[in-house]
Every structure is written in structure tokens, then in C-alpha cells.
Amino acid sequence: MRNVIIVGSGPAGHTASIYAARANLKPLLIEGLARGGIPGGQLMITNDVENYPGFPEKIAGPDLMKAFRDQSVAQGVDIITDDVHRVDLSERPFSVWTGDGEHHRSRTLIIATGAQAKWLGLESEAALQGRGVSACAVCDGAFFRNQDVVVVGGGDTAMEEATYLSGICRHITLVHRRSEFRASKTMQERVVKNPKIKLAYDSVVEEVLGVDKGEVVGARLRNIKTEEVTVVSATGLFVAIGHTPNTDLFVGQLDLHDNGYIRTRPGTTHTNVPGVFACGDVQDFTYRQAVTAAGSGCMAALDAERWMALHDPH
């Protein structure tokens, strides 16, 4: 019987583990085997991190996550490197089954399974992820200061990314496969009126250029109505077509937002199931930053500790 099990190994999961361990809850962290067998969340595919406090010279994403993991181990966190295949939240103690068939039981559960960016599905895009291809302008935009970039998407996220980048970059080409944006009218007007943003309607990215050089040098676009092909020079390409929260395990067991993210009580990490808490990008579709994920991981551990003190003293 565990006091707390944490599922997920990004900044939120490890921060929750560290705080839970320091509270003497003896946590178990199940770090998962996502992304081709590499635990650690979205930072594992991020080359350089410049906006995480405490690293003035920047740090590689995998190195930052190694530091998180090393700190969890130093605090005495038990870690299992496996995927969770099933959970039962219908009664306490909660049940968690890993891929090896092992059954784990816990008084509380902290969910930190994160979210994954939706990608275009191009081989060239995959080859250049972290080398000019990104899904987060706030995370990586500063690397492209005074340079030309491409943004792909037509919703509010794409509008926000393009607008944000216009304050950093020299020129932005916004590519959308339809003749009208899906974004709110206010966001559309802001983008249309921005002289630094060029709109490429009815267009798709056929290839991200620069694989042979190991860095983005441009994108080949195709107009799906006229079949005209053009090449846009750029040093960065931002895919802004949304994210998918990793919540399949919890469908039908937890309240979710319409977009699939876990619904938490405002100002807390409490879900609708007492004793179950959610932190990081699996419940945050607004900020989606490593530092906010870590902060919510701290909140989840404190919420779990306080909940147990009131409802399950031991």
C-alpha cells in the first residue's frame, strides 16, 4: 500500500515526487515509456531551455529532466520505468496496473501525464524537431530574434503564436489550409492588421527544408486550390495546430473539459474524485510551460498531503 502514486515524469511529476518525499509520504513515481521509450515529458525533445529559472547559460531539455530525476532519486522517491495500462478510481485505495501486469494500490493518486503537441506528420518535420521546428513559440521564440519564421495553424493558438512572434521575429508567414481562420474574430483582426505577418491561405506545408544541414532553412508550401508550389525562407517553423492531453486512462473516471483536459477545482489540483489530483499540462491548456507545470506539481503534493491528514491519517 502506497500513500501516493505519481503517474508521469515531466516537471510536474518530479516536483510532486520531491515534495511528497520531503513530506515523508514515500511516493512511487511511475515514469512511463512514452516517446520511444524515453521518460521525461516534452522537454526530452527540446534542445535548449532558456526560460527555466536558475540556468542563465541555458540548459538542454534532456539535461534539465535528468536533474529533476536525480533530485527525485536523492530524495528517496521510488521510480518504476514502465507505462500505466489501467487505473481504477472507483474506490479507495486506488488501483494502478503497469505494463508488466504489476498491481499497485495507493491512498492518493497524482496525475502528471502531460500532453503532446499535434504535428503535421512530415518526415522532415520530425527530423528537425528541436532544430528549428517547435510547437511552442513562448518556449523557443527567442532563439529566432530578428529572423524569419513560419507558423502553421488557423485557430486561436496559431494567432497567439504568430502575434507573440511578431514582437521578436522579423517576419512571420502564417500558413492555413483553409480560406478562413477558425480563430476568434478579435484574434483574426489582430493578425490581419499586423504588418509583420503574411497570410498564406489554402496552403499546406509539404516539406520543411534543411534536413541535410540539420537546421531549418525554409518550407515548401502548396496551395491546395491552385496547386502552386512556393518556397518560403525561414529559420524556424512553429506548428500550432493544438495539443492532445494524455488522458485516455481517465475517460469515464474523471471529469474532463470538452477538449479532453482533466478538470480541476479552480485554484487547486483537486479532481472530482476525492484523493485524486492532477497537475502539469494534463490539466493546463492555457500556459503549458515547464515552470508552471513544476509549480502545479508542488501544489498537487501539498494538496495530497493535506487531504490525507484530514481524511486518511495513518
C-alpha atoms as a PDB file:
ATOM      1  CA  MET A   1       0.000   0.000   0.000  1.00  0.00           C
ATOM      2  CA  ARG A   2       1.383   3.387  -1.042  1.00  0.00           C
ATOM      3  CA  ASN A   3       0.490   6.767   0.381  1.00  0.00           C
ATOM      4  CA  VAL A   4       0.781   8.395  -3.025  1.00  0.00           C
ATOM      5  CA  ILE A   5       1.488   7.253  -6.563  1.00  0.00           C
ATOM      6  CA  ILE A   6       2.534   9.824  -9.160  1.00  0.00           C
ATOM      7  CA  VAL A   7       1.943   8.946 -12.808  1.00  0.00           C
ATOM      8  CA  GLY A   8       4.142  10.922 -15.199  1.00  0.00           C
ATOM      9  CA  SER A   9       7.732  12.123 -15.205  1.00  0.00           C
ATOM     10  CA  GLY A  10       7.849  15.649 -16.561  1.00  0.00           C
ATOM     11  CA  PRO A  11       8.481  18.727 -14.399  1.00  0.00           C
ATOM     12  CA  ALA A  12       5.090  18.325 -12.704  1.00  0.00           C
ATOM     13  CA  GLY A  13       5.543  14.659 -11.833  1.00  0.00           C
ATOM     14  CA  HIS A  14       9.055  15.019 -10.465  1.00  0.00           C
ATOM     15  CA  THR A  15       8.246  18.157  -8.473  1.00  0.00           C
ATOM     16  CA  ALA A  16       5.249  16.388  -6.927  1.00  0.00           C
ATOM     17  CA  SER A  17       7.521  13.437  -6.113  1.00  0.00           C
ATOM     18  CA  ILE A  18      10.165  15.622  -4.477  1.00  0.00           C
ATOM     19  CA  TYR A  19       7.637  17.424  -2.284  1.00  0.00           C
ATOM     20  CA  ALA A  20       5.849  14.179  -1.395  1.00  0.00           C
ATOM     21  CA  ALA A  21       9.139  12.557  -0.431  1.00  0.00           C
ATOM     22  CA  ARG A  22      10.099  15.500   1.760  1.00  0.00           C
ATOM     23  CA  ALA A  23       6.726  15.135   3.499  1.00  0.00           C
ATOM     24  CA  ASN A  24       7.690  11.522   4.292  1.00  0.00           C
ATOM     25  CA  LEU A  25       4.896  10.107   2.118  1.00  0.00           C
ATOM     26  CA  LYS A  26       7.323   7.635   0.499  1.00  0.00           C
ATOM     27  CA  PRO A  27       5.954   8.213  -3.028  1.00  0.00           C
ATOM     28  CA  LEU A  28       6.088   5.894  -6.002  1.00  0.00           C
ATOM     29  CA  LEU A  29       6.689   7.576  -9.366  1.00  0.00           C
ATOM     30  CA  ILE A  30       5.711   5.621 -12.478  1.00  0.00           C
ATOM     31  CA  GLU A  31       7.630   7.485 -15.143  1.00  0.00           C
ATOM     32  CA  GLY A  32       6.302   5.845 -18.298  1.00  0.00           C
ATOM     33  CA  LEU A  33       7.920   4.747 -21.522  1.00  0.00           C
ATOM     34  CA  ALA A  34       6.389   7.289 -23.889  1.00  0.00           C
ATOM     35  CA  ARG A  35       8.255   8.871 -26.824  1.00  0.00           C
ATOM     36  CA  GLY A  36      10.026   5.753 -27.984  1.00  0.00           C
ATOM     37  CA  GLY A  37      10.990   4.553 -24.549  1.00  0.00           C
ATOM     38  CA  ILE A  38      12.223   7.885 -23.142  1.00  0.00           C
ATOM     39  CA  PRO A  39      10.530   9.159 -19.971  1.00  0.00           C
ATOM     40  CA  GLY A  40      10.673  12.841 -19.077  1.00  0.00           C
ATOM     41  CA  GLY A  41       7.879  14.636 -20.920  1.00  0.00           C
ATOM     42  CA  GLN A  42       8.009  17.217 -23.683  1.00  0.00           C
ATOM     43  CA  LEU A  43      11.358  18.663 -22.575  1.00  0.00           C
ATOM     44  CA  MET A  44      13.013  15.480 -23.818  1.00  0.00           C
ATOM     45  CA  ILE A  45      12.574  16.793 -27.370  1.00  0.00           C
ATOM     46  CA  THR A  46      13.677  20.346 -26.531  1.00  0.00           C
ATOM     47  CA  ASN A  47      17.279  21.198 -27.371  1.00  0.00           C
ATOM     48  CA  ASP A  48      17.829  24.376 -25.373  1.00  0.00           C
ATOM     49  CA  VAL A  49      15.832  25.775 -22.463  1.00  0.00           C
ATOM     50  CA  GLU A  50      16.493  29.446 -21.709  1.00  0.00           C
ATOM     51  CA  ASN A  51      13.403  30.344 -19.681  1.00  0.00           C
ATOM     52  CA  TYR A  52      13.627  27.960 -16.731  1.00  0.00           C
ATOM     53  CA  PRO A  53      14.811  29.926 -13.672  1.00  0.00           C
ATOM     54  CA  GLY A  54      18.273  29.138 -12.373  1.00  0.00           C
ATOM     55  CA  PHE A  55      20.008  28.414 -15.687  1.00  0.00           C
ATOM     56  CA  PRO A  56      21.392  31.707 -17.045  1.00  0.00           C
ATOM     57  CA  GLU A  57      23.536  29.916 -19.619  1.00  0.00           C
ATOM     58  CA  LYS A  58      20.539  27.822 -20.818  1.00  0.00           C
ATOM     59  CA  ILE A  59      20.317  24.053 -20.478  1.00  0.00           C
ATOM     60  CA  ALA A  60      19.352  21.202 -22.817  1.00  0.00           C
ATOM     61  CA  GLY A  61      15.892  19.808 -22.160  1.00  0.00           C
ATOM     62  CA  PRO A  62      17.103  16.240 -21.506  1.00  0.00           C
ATOM     63  CA  ASP A  63      19.779  17.561 -19.118  1.00  0.00           C
ATOM     64  CA  LEU A  64      17.162  19.527 -17.195  1.00  0.00           C
ATOM     65  CA  MET A  65      14.957  16.449 -16.871  1.00  0.00           C
ATOM     66  CA  LYS A  66      17.945  14.368 -15.743  1.00  0.00           C
ATOM     67  CA  ALA A  67      18.499  16.920 -12.977  1.00  0.00           C
ATOM     68  CA  PHE A  68      14.819  16.628 -11.992  1.00  0.00           C
ATOM     69  CA  ARG A  69      15.092  12.833 -11.896  1.00  0.00           C
ATOM     70  CA  ASP A  70      18.376  12.853  -9.991  1.00  0.00           C
ATOM     71  CA  GLN A  71      16.807  15.095  -7.366  1.00  0.00           C
ATOM     72  CA  SER A  72      13.818  12.750  -7.039  1.00  0.00           C
ATOM     73  CA  VAL A  73      16.177   9.815  -6.507  1.00  0.00           C
ATOM     74  CA  ALA A  74      18.220  11.806  -3.976  1.00  0.00           C
ATOM     75  CA  GLN A  75      15.037  12.486  -2.000  1.00  0.00           C
ATOM     76  CA  GLY A  76      14.236   8.777  -1.862  1.00  0.00           C
ATOM     77  CA  VAL A  77      11.477   8.549  -4.465  1.00  0.00           C
ATOM     78  CA  ASP A  78      10.811   5.013  -5.721  1.00  0.00           C
ATOM     79  CA  ILE A  79      10.725   5.075  -9.541  1.00  0.00           C
ATOM     80  CA  ILE A  80       9.315   2.465 -11.896  1.00  0.00           C
ATOM     81  CA  THR A  81      10.158   2.836 -15.582  1.00  0.00           C
ATOM     82  CA  ASP A  82       7.010   1.469 -17.165  1.00  0.00           C
ATOM     83  CA  ASP A  83       3.700   2.597 -18.632  1.00  0.00           C
ATOM     84  CA  VAL A  84       0.442   2.588 -16.710  1.00  0.00           C
ATOM     85  CA  HIS A  85      -2.060   0.498 -18.657  1.00  0.00           C
ATOM     86  CA  ARG A  86      -5.118   0.751 -16.417  1.00  0.00           C
ATOM     87  CA  VAL A  87      -6.387   2.547 -13.342  1.00  0.00           C
ATOM     88  CA  ASP A  88      -9.436   2.032 -11.139  1.00  0.00           C
ATOM     89  CA  LEU A  89     -10.562   5.165  -9.349  1.00  0.00           C
ATOM     90  CA  SER A  90     -13.989   3.835  -8.336  1.00  0.00           C
ATOM     91  CA  GLU A  91     -12.902   3.000  -4.791  1.00  0.00           C
ATOM     92  CA  ARG A  92     -10.088   3.660  -2.381  1.00  0.00           C
ATOM     93  CA  PRO A  93      -7.390   2.563  -2.207  1.00  0.00           C
ATOM     94  CA  PHE A  94      -6.944   3.333  -5.885  1.00  0.00           C
ATOM     95  CA  SER A  95      -5.549   0.657  -8.186  1.00  0.00           C
ATOM     96  CA  VAL A  96      -2.891   1.164 -10.846  1.00  0.00           C
ATOM     97  CA  TRP A  97      -1.660  -1.537 -13.221  1.00  0.00           C
ATOM     98  CA  THR A  98       1.615  -1.214 -15.134  1.00  0.00           C
ATOM     99  CA  GLY A  99       2.591  -2.867 -18.402  1.00  0.00           C
ATOM    100  CA  ASP A 100       4.292  -5.769 -16.673  1.00  0.00           C
ATOM    101  CA  GLY A 101       0.992  -6.667 -15.033  1.00  0.00           C
ATOM    102  CA  GLU A 102       2.032  -5.400 -11.615  1.00  0.00           C
ATOM    103  CA  HIS A 103      -0.859  -4.158  -9.455  1.00  0.00           C
ATOM    104  CA  HIS A 104      -0.141  -1.116  -7.272  1.00  0.00           C
ATOM    105  CA  ARG A 105      -2.510   0.322  -4.652  1.00  0.00           C
ATOM    106  CA  SER A 106      -2.422   3.802  -3.179  1.00  0.00           C
ATOM    107  CA  ARG A 107      -4.314   6.057  -0.781  1.00  0.00           C
ATOM    108  CA  THR A 108      -3.933   9.020  -3.157  1.00  0.00           C
ATOM    109  CA  LEU A 109      -3.033   9.477  -6.817  1.00  0.00           C
ATOM    110  CA  ILE A 110      -1.331  12.388  -8.558  1.00  0.00           C
ATOM    111  CA  ILE A 111      -1.770  12.502 -12.331  1.00  0.00           C
ATOM    112  CA  ALA A 112       1.004  14.245 -14.272  1.00  0.00           C
ATOM    113  CA  THR A 113       0.763  12.510 -17.641  1.00  0.00           C
ATOM    114  CA  GLY A 114       1.106  15.725 -19.640  1.00  0.00           C
ATOM    115  CA  ALA A 115       0.047  16.479 -23.187  1.00  0.00           C
ATOM    116  CA  GLN A 116       1.546  16.049 -26.627  1.00  0.00           C
ATOM    117  CA  ALA A 117       1.698  18.548 -29.436  1.00  0.00           C
ATOM    118  CA  LYS A 118      -0.106  17.648 -32.630  1.00  0.00           C
ATOM    119  CA  TRP A 119       2.311  17.519 -35.552  1.00  0.00           C
ATOM    120  CA  LEU A 120       1.907  17.679 -39.312  1.00  0.00           C
ATOM    121  CA  GLY A 121       3.247  14.172 -39.790  1.00  0.00           C
ATOM    122  CA  LEU A 122       6.090  15.043 -42.164  1.00  0.00           C
ATOM    123  CA  GLU A 123       9.378  13.146 -42.077  1.00  0.00           C
ATOM    124  CA  SER A 124      11.278  16.406 -42.481  1.00  0.00           C
ATOM    125  CA  GLU A 125       9.339  17.919 -39.590  1.00  0.00           C
ATOM    126  CA  ALA A 126      10.251  15.033 -37.298  1.00  0.00           C
ATOM    127  CA  ALA A 127      13.896  15.170 -38.391  1.00  0.00           C
ATOM    128  CA  LEU A 128      14.154  18.858 -37.475  1.00  0.00           C
ATOM    129  CA  GLN A 129      12.246  18.888 -34.182  1.00  0.00           C
ATOM    130  CA  GLY A 130      14.402  20.832 -31.765  1.00  0.00           C
ATOM    131  CA  ARG A 131      16.489  22.099 -34.668  1.00  0.00           C
ATOM    132  CA  GLY A 132      14.164  24.846 -35.779  1.00  0.00           C
ATOM    133  CA  VAL A 133      10.840  23.023 -35.639  1.00  0.00           C
ATOM    134  CA  SER A 134       8.890  23.756 -32.464  1.00  0.00           C
ATOM    135  CA  ALA A 135       5.377  23.584 -31.055  1.00  0.00           C
ATOM    136  CA  CYS A 136       5.839  26.395 -28.527  1.00  0.00           C
ATOM    137  CA  ALA A 137       6.591  29.982 -29.502  1.00  0.00           C
ATOM    138  CA  VAL A 138       6.842  31.163 -25.898  1.00  0.00           C
ATOM    139  CA  CYS A 139       9.405  28.430 -25.221  1.00  0.00           C
ATOM    140  CA  ASP A 140      11.551  28.844 -28.324  1.00  0.00           C
ATOM    141  CA  GLY A 141      10.702  32.153 -29.974  1.00  0.00           C
ATOM    142  CA  ALA A 142      13.691  33.995 -28.508  1.00  0.00           C
ATOM    143  CA  PHE A 143      16.053  31.742 -30.478  1.00  0.00           C
ATOM    144  CA  PHE A 144      14.713  33.359 -33.683  1.00  0.00           C
ATOM    145  CA  ARG A 145      15.059  37.004 -32.762  1.00  0.00           C
ATOM    146  CA  ASN A 146      15.098  39.228 -35.879  1.00  0.00           C
ATOM    147  CA  GLN A 147      14.731  36.188 -38.145  1.00  0.00           C
ATOM    148  CA  ASP A 148      12.001  34.924 -40.476  1.00  0.00           C
ATOM    149  CA  VAL A 149       9.735  32.116 -39.269  1.00  0.00           C
ATOM    150  CA  VAL A 150       6.674  30.134 -40.358  1.00  0.00           C
ATOM    151  CA  VAL A 151       3.640  29.408 -38.190  1.00  0.00           C
ATOM    152  CA  VAL A 152       1.175  26.669 -39.172  1.00  0.00           C
ATOM    153  CA  GLY A 153      -2.428  26.727 -37.951  1.00  0.00           C
ATOM    154  CA  GLY A 154      -5.694  28.596 -38.065  1.00  0.00           C
ATOM    155  CA  GLY A 155      -7.101  28.619 -34.531  1.00  0.00           C
ATOM    156  CA  ASP A 156      -6.582  30.880 -31.550  1.00  0.00           C
ATOM    157  CA  THR A 157      -3.330  29.127 -30.676  1.00  0.00           C
ATOM    158  CA  ALA A 158      -1.844  29.895 -34.086  1.00  0.00           C
ATOM    159  CA  MET A 159      -2.993  33.525 -33.850  1.00  0.00           C
ATOM    160  CA  GLU A 160      -1.440  33.861 -30.402  1.00  0.00           C
ATOM    161  CA  GLU A 161       1.818  32.267 -31.527  1.00  0.00           C
ATOM    162  CA  ALA A 162       2.076  34.485 -34.609  1.00  0.00           C
ATOM    163  CA  THR A 163       1.280  37.621 -32.618  1.00  0.00           C
ATOM    164  CA  TYR A 164       3.801  36.722 -29.928  1.00  0.00           C
ATOM    165  CA  LEU A 165       6.499  36.020 -32.525  1.00  0.00           C
ATOM    166  CA  SER A 166       5.816  39.313 -34.278  1.00  0.00           C
ATOM    167  CA  GLY A 167       7.285  41.048 -31.255  1.00  0.00           C
ATOM    168  CA  ILE A 168      10.509  39.055 -31.615  1.00  0.00           C
ATOM    169  CA  CYS A 169      10.979  37.991 -35.221  1.00  0.00           C
ATOM    170  CA  ARG A 170      11.485  39.986 -38.398  1.00  0.00           C
ATOM    171  CA  HIS A 171       8.753  38.371 -40.474  1.00  0.00           C
ATOM    172  CA  ILE A 172       6.137  35.656 -39.962  1.00  0.00           C
ATOM    173  CA  THR A 173       4.365  33.605 -42.627  1.00  0.00           C
ATOM    174  CA  LEU A 174       1.137  32.168 -41.232  1.00  0.00           C
ATOM    175  CA  VAL A 175       0.062  29.059 -43.157  1.00  0.00           C
ATOM    176  CA  HIS A 176      -3.533  27.785 -43.005  1.00  0.00           C
ATOM    177  CA  ARG A 177      -5.079  25.060 -45.114  1.00  0.00           C
ATOM    178  CA  ARG A 178      -8.464  26.798 -45.390  1.00  0.00           C
ATOM    179  CA  SER A 179      -9.630  30.132 -46.780  1.00  0.00           C
ATOM    180  CA  GLU A 180     -10.881  31.271 -43.370  1.00  0.00           C
ATOM    181  CA  PHE A 181      -9.384  31.066 -39.906  1.00  0.00           C
ATOM    182  CA  ARG A 182     -11.143  29.215 -37.085  1.00  0.00           C
ATOM    183  CA  ALA A 183      -9.868  31.683 -34.511  1.00  0.00           C
ATOM    184  CA  SER A 184     -11.995  34.261 -32.747  1.00  0.00           C
ATOM    185  CA  LYS A 185     -12.711  37.441 -34.689  1.00  0.00           C
ATOM    186  CA  THR A 186     -10.669  39.529 -32.275  1.00  0.00           C
ATOM    187  CA  MET A 187      -7.615  37.331 -32.724  1.00  0.00           C
ATOM    188  CA  GLN A 188      -8.042  37.295 -36.500  1.00  0.00           C
ATOM    189  CA  GLU A 189      -8.249  41.076 -36.709  1.00  0.00           C
ATOM    190  CA  ARG A 190      -5.107  41.426 -34.653  1.00  0.00           C
ATOM    191  CA  VAL A 191      -3.199  39.151 -37.003  1.00  0.00           C
ATOM    192  CA  VAL A 192      -4.594  40.559 -40.252  1.00  0.00           C
ATOM    193  CA  LYS A 193      -3.640  44.095 -39.228  1.00  0.00           C
ATOM    194  CA  ASN A 194      -0.112  43.115 -38.194  1.00  0.00           C
ATOM    195  CA  PRO A 195       2.303  44.274 -40.929  1.00  0.00           C
ATOM    196  CA  LYS A 196       4.908  41.677 -39.926  1.00  0.00           C
ATOM    197  CA  ILE A 197       2.569  38.730 -40.576  1.00  0.00           C
ATOM    198  CA  LYS A 198       1.939  37.455 -44.109  1.00  0.00           C
ATOM    199  CA  LEU A 199      -1.047  35.142 -44.577  1.00  0.00           C
ATOM    200  CA  ALA A 200      -0.871  32.027 -46.747  1.00  0.00           C
ATOM    201  CA  TYR A 201      -4.460  30.791 -47.052  1.00  0.00           C
ATOM    202  CA  ASP A 202      -5.486  27.468 -48.657  1.00  0.00           C
ATOM    203  CA  SER A 203      -1.936  26.226 -48.189  1.00  0.00           C
ATOM    204  CA  VAL A 204      -0.133  23.316 -46.578  1.00  0.00           C
ATOM    205  CA  VAL A 205       3.490  22.653 -45.708  1.00  0.00           C
ATOM    206  CA  GLU A 206       4.738  19.880 -47.976  1.00  0.00           C
ATOM    207  CA  GLU A 207       8.277  19.796 -46.642  1.00  0.00           C
ATOM    208  CA  VAL A 208      10.426  21.509 -44.054  1.00  0.00           C
ATOM    209  CA  LEU A 209      13.687  22.361 -45.762  1.00  0.00           C
ATOM    210  CA  GLY A 210      17.134  21.937 -44.250  1.00  0.00           C
ATOM    211  CA  VAL A 211      17.279  18.285 -43.166  1.00  0.00           C
ATOM    212  CA  ASP A 212      20.616  17.889 -44.938  1.00  0.00           C
ATOM    213  CA  LYS A 213      22.030  20.813 -42.953  1.00  0.00           C
ATOM    214  CA  GLY A 214      20.499  19.791 -39.634  1.00  0.00           C
ATOM    215  CA  GLU A 215      18.593  23.062 -39.266  1.00  0.00           C
ATOM    216  CA  VAL A 216      15.514  24.705 -40.752  1.00  0.00           C
ATOM    217  CA  VAL A 217      16.221  26.900 -43.784  1.00  0.00           C
ATOM    218  CA  GLY A 218      12.684  27.202 -45.123  1.00  0.00           C
ATOM    219  CA  ALA A 219       9.443  25.468 -46.029  1.00  0.00           C
ATOM    220  CA  ARG A 220       7.879  24.318 -49.284  1.00  0.00           C
ATOM    221  CA  LEU A 221       4.217  25.299 -49.426  1.00  0.00           C
ATOM    222  CA  ARG A 222       1.498  24.053 -51.766  1.00  0.00           C
ATOM    223  CA  ASN A 223      -1.744  25.899 -52.453  1.00  0.00           C
ATOM    224  CA  ILE A 224      -4.397  23.168 -52.332  1.00  0.00           C
ATOM    225  CA  LYS A 225      -6.700  25.077 -54.702  1.00  0.00           C
ATOM    226  CA  THR A 226      -4.255  26.184 -57.387  1.00  0.00           C
ATOM    227  CA  GLU A 227      -1.554  23.519 -56.769  1.00  0.00           C
ATOM    228  CA  GLU A 228       1.003  26.321 -56.931  1.00  0.00           C
ATOM    229  CA  VAL A 229       4.179  25.483 -55.017  1.00  0.00           C
ATOM    230  CA  THR A 230       6.254  28.185 -53.316  1.00  0.00           C
ATOM    231  CA  VAL A 231       9.315  28.147 -51.108  1.00  0.00           C
ATOM    232  CA  VAL A 232       9.461  30.371 -48.037  1.00  0.00           C
ATOM    233  CA  SER A 233      12.837  31.099 -46.467  1.00  0.00           C
ATOM    234  CA  ALA A 234      12.785  30.737 -42.685  1.00  0.00           C
ATOM    235  CA  THR A 235      14.988  29.605 -39.822  1.00  0.00           C
ATOM    236  CA  GLY A 236      12.110  28.375 -37.684  1.00  0.00           C
ATOM    237  CA  LEU A 237       8.775  26.621 -38.156  1.00  0.00           C
ATOM    238  CA  PHE A 238       6.167  26.620 -35.393  1.00  0.00           C
ATOM    239  CA  VAL A 239       3.375  24.052 -35.549  1.00  0.00           C
ATOM    240  CA  ALA A 240       0.315  25.464 -33.770  1.00  0.00           C
ATOM    241  CA  ILE A 241      -2.469  23.015 -34.522  1.00  0.00           C
ATOM    242  CA  GLY A 242      -3.178  22.078 -30.916  1.00  0.00           C
ATOM    243  CA  HIS A 243      -2.217  19.621 -28.216  1.00  0.00           C
ATOM    244  CA  THR A 244      -3.656  16.299 -27.093  1.00  0.00           C
ATOM    245  CA  PRO A 245      -3.762  15.652 -23.340  1.00  0.00           C
ATOM    246  CA  ASN A 246      -2.706  12.178 -22.224  1.00  0.00           C
ATOM    247  CA  THR A 247      -5.995  11.369 -20.524  1.00  0.00           C
ATOM    248  CA  ASP A 248      -7.138   8.135 -22.188  1.00  0.00           C
ATOM    249  CA  LEU A 249      -6.670   6.242 -18.903  1.00  0.00           C
ATOM    250  CA  PHE A 250      -9.109   8.501 -17.110  1.00  0.00           C
ATOM    251  CA  VAL A 251     -12.009   8.817 -19.560  1.00  0.00           C
ATOM    252  CA  GLY A 252     -15.205   7.848 -17.750  1.00  0.00           C
ATOM    253  CA  GLN A 253     -13.496   8.044 -14.359  1.00  0.00           C
ATOM    254  CA  LEU A 254     -12.673  11.750 -14.030  1.00  0.00           C
ATOM    255  CA  ASP A 255     -14.443  14.896 -15.159  1.00  0.00           C
ATOM    256  CA  LEU A 256     -12.769  16.252 -18.280  1.00  0.00           C
ATOM    257  CA  HIS A 257     -13.144  19.526 -20.142  1.00  0.00           C
ATOM    258  CA  ASP A 258     -14.630  19.385 -23.635  1.00  0.00           C
ATOM    259  CA  ASN A 259     -11.082  19.482 -25.039  1.00  0.00           C
ATOM    260  CA  GLY A 260     -10.106  16.372 -23.073  1.00  0.00           C
ATOM    261  CA  TYR A 261      -8.031  18.002 -20.330  1.00  0.00           C
ATOM    262  CA  ILE A 262      -8.664  16.995 -16.718  1.00  0.00           C
ATOM    263  CA  ARG A 263     -10.948  19.389 -14.882  1.00  0.00           C
ATOM    264  CA  THR A 264      -9.564  20.566 -11.532  1.00  0.00           C
ATOM    265  CA  ARG A 265     -11.162  22.698  -8.859  1.00  0.00           C
ATOM    266  CA  PRO A 266     -10.077  26.323  -9.507  1.00  0.00           C
ATOM    267  CA  GLY A 267      -7.011  27.294  -7.517  1.00  0.00           C
ATOM    268  CA  THR A 268      -6.244  23.684  -6.581  1.00  0.00           C
ATOM    269  CA  THR A 269      -5.202  20.381  -8.150  1.00  0.00           C
ATOM    270  CA  HIS A 270      -8.245  18.505  -6.794  1.00  0.00           C
ATOM    271  CA  THR A 271     -10.215  16.498  -9.366  1.00  0.00           C
ATOM    272  CA  ASN A 272     -13.834  15.446  -8.897  1.00  0.00           C
ATOM    273  CA  VAL A 273     -12.660  12.186  -7.257  1.00  0.00           C
ATOM    274  CA  PRO A 274     -11.544  12.770  -3.664  1.00  0.00           C
ATOM    275  CA  GLY A 275      -7.918  11.792  -3.239  1.00  0.00           C
ATOM    276  CA  VAL A 276      -7.053  12.152  -6.931  1.00  0.00           C
ATOM    277  CA  PHE A 277      -5.077  15.205  -8.027  1.00  0.00           C
ATOM    278  CA  ALA A 278      -3.901  16.444 -11.434  1.00  0.00           C
ATOM    279  CA  CYS A 279      -1.005  18.747 -12.261  1.00  0.00           C
ATOM    280  CA  GLY A 280       1.010  19.940 -15.231  1.00  0.00           C
ATOM    281  CA  ASP A 281      -0.072  20.026 -18.856  1.00  0.00           C
ATOM    282  CA  VAL A 282      -2.657  17.258 -18.445  1.00  0.00           C
ATOM    283  CA  GLN A 283      -4.886  19.883 -16.787  1.00  0.00           C
ATOM    284  CA  ASP A 284      -3.374  23.120 -18.103  1.00  0.00           C
ATOM    285  CA  PHE A 285      -4.252  24.184 -21.640  1.00  0.00           C
ATOM    286  CA  THR A 286      -3.531  27.862 -21.015  1.00  0.00           C
ATOM    287  CA  TYR A 287       0.113  28.250 -20.001  1.00  0.00           C
ATOM    288  CA  ARG A 288       1.804  24.919 -20.886  1.00  0.00           C
ATOM    289  CA  GLN A 289       5.233  25.879 -19.524  1.00  0.00           C
ATOM    290  CA  ALA A 290       7.767  23.795 -17.624  1.00  0.00           C
ATOM    291  CA  VAL A 291       7.864  26.264 -14.742  1.00  0.00           C
ATOM    292  CA  THR A 292       4.068  26.355 -14.332  1.00  0.00           C
ATOM    293  CA  ALA A 293       3.957  22.561 -14.549  1.00  0.00           C
ATOM    294  CA  ALA A 294       6.553  22.314 -11.778  1.00  0.00           C
ATOM    295  CA  GLY A 295       4.584  24.778  -9.668  1.00  0.00           C
ATOM    296  CA  SER A 296       1.388  22.780 -10.030  1.00  0.00           C
ATOM    297  CA  GLY A 297       3.324  19.618  -9.146  1.00  0.00           C
ATOM    298  CA  CYS A 298       4.246  21.261  -5.849  1.00  0.00           C
ATOM    299  CA  MET A 299       0.577  22.161  -5.344  1.00  0.00           C
ATOM    300  CA  ALA A 300      -0.516  18.569  -6.013  1.00  0.00           C
ATOM    301  CA  ALA A 301       1.858  17.125  -3.426  1.00  0.00           C
ATOM    302  CA  LEU A 302       0.742  19.661  -0.811  1.00  0.00           C
ATOM    303  CA  ASP A 303      -2.924  19.053  -1.677  1.00  0.00           C
ATOM    304  CA  ALA A 304      -2.424  15.287  -1.345  1.00  0.00           C
ATOM    305  CA  GLU A 305      -0.587  15.624   1.963  1.00  0.00           C
ATOM    306  CA  ARG A 306      -3.269  17.879   3.446  1.00  0.00           C
ATOM    307  CA  TRP A 307      -6.094  15.725   2.113  1.00  0.00           C
ATOM    308  CA  MET A 308      -4.590  12.628   3.732  1.00  0.00           C
ATOM    309  CA  ALA A 309      -4.134  14.447   7.028  1.00  0.00           C
ATOM    310  CA  LEU A 310      -7.859  15.230   7.065  1.00  0.00           C
ATOM    311  CA  HIS A 311      -9.349  12.105   5.521  1.00  0.00           C
ATOM    312  CA  ASP A 312      -6.837   9.276   5.857  1.00  0.00           C
ATOM    313  CA  PRO A 313      -4.497   9.806   8.819  1.00  0.00           C
ATOM    314  CA  HIS A 314      -2.058   6.959   9.280  1.00  0.00           C
END
